[in-house]
Amino acid sequence: MRFAIREGGRTVGAGTISEILE
């Protein structure tokens, strides 16, 4: 599990991260 990342100037949680990695 990774830390929250910033996308488009906003912070996303692990849930969104999973979709990005996939």
C-alpha atoms as a PDB file:
ATOM      1  CA  MET A   1       0.000   0.000   0.000  1.00  0.00           C
ATOM      2  CA  ARG A   2       1.396   3.361  -1.009  1.00  0.00           C
ATOM      3  CA  PHE A   3       0.868   6.847   0.353  1.00  0.00           C
ATOM      4  CA  ALA A   4      -1.634   9.249  -1.132  1.00  0.00           C
ATOM      5  CA  ILE A   5      -0.488  10.943  -4.341  1.00  0.00           C
ATOM      6  CA  ARG A   6      -1.357  14.296  -5.889  1.00  0.00           C
ATOM      7  CA  GLU A   7      -3.201  14.208  -9.199  1.00  0.00           C
ATOM      8  CA  GLY A   8      -4.297  17.325 -11.046  1.00  0.00           C
ATOM      9  CA  GLY A   9      -3.479  19.349  -7.927  1.00  0.00           C
ATOM     10  CA  ARG A  10      -5.666  17.237  -5.652  1.00  0.00           C
ATOM     11  CA  THR A  11      -4.863  14.402  -3.271  1.00  0.00           C
ATOM     12  CA  VAL A  12      -6.189  10.909  -3.888  1.00  0.00           C
ATOM     13  CA  GLY A  13      -6.458   7.956  -1.528  1.00  0.00           C
ATOM     14  CA  ALA A  14      -5.250   4.373  -1.853  1.00  0.00           C
ATOM     15  CA  GLY A  15      -8.567   3.441  -3.461  1.00  0.00           C
ATOM     16  CA  THR A  16      -7.917   5.731  -6.416  1.00  0.00           C
ATOM     17  CA  ILE A  17      -4.252   4.725  -6.465  1.00  0.00           C
ATOM     18  CA  SER A  18      -5.263   1.121  -7.093  1.00  0.00           C
ATOM     19  CA  GLU A  19      -7.176   2.180 -10.199  1.00  0.00           C
ATOM     20  CA  ILE A  20      -4.241   4.262 -11.452  1.00  0.00           C
ATOM     21  CA  LEU A  21      -1.774   1.404 -10.965  1.00  0.00           C
ATOM     22  CA  GLU A  22      -4.178  -0.917 -12.743  1.00  0.00           C
END
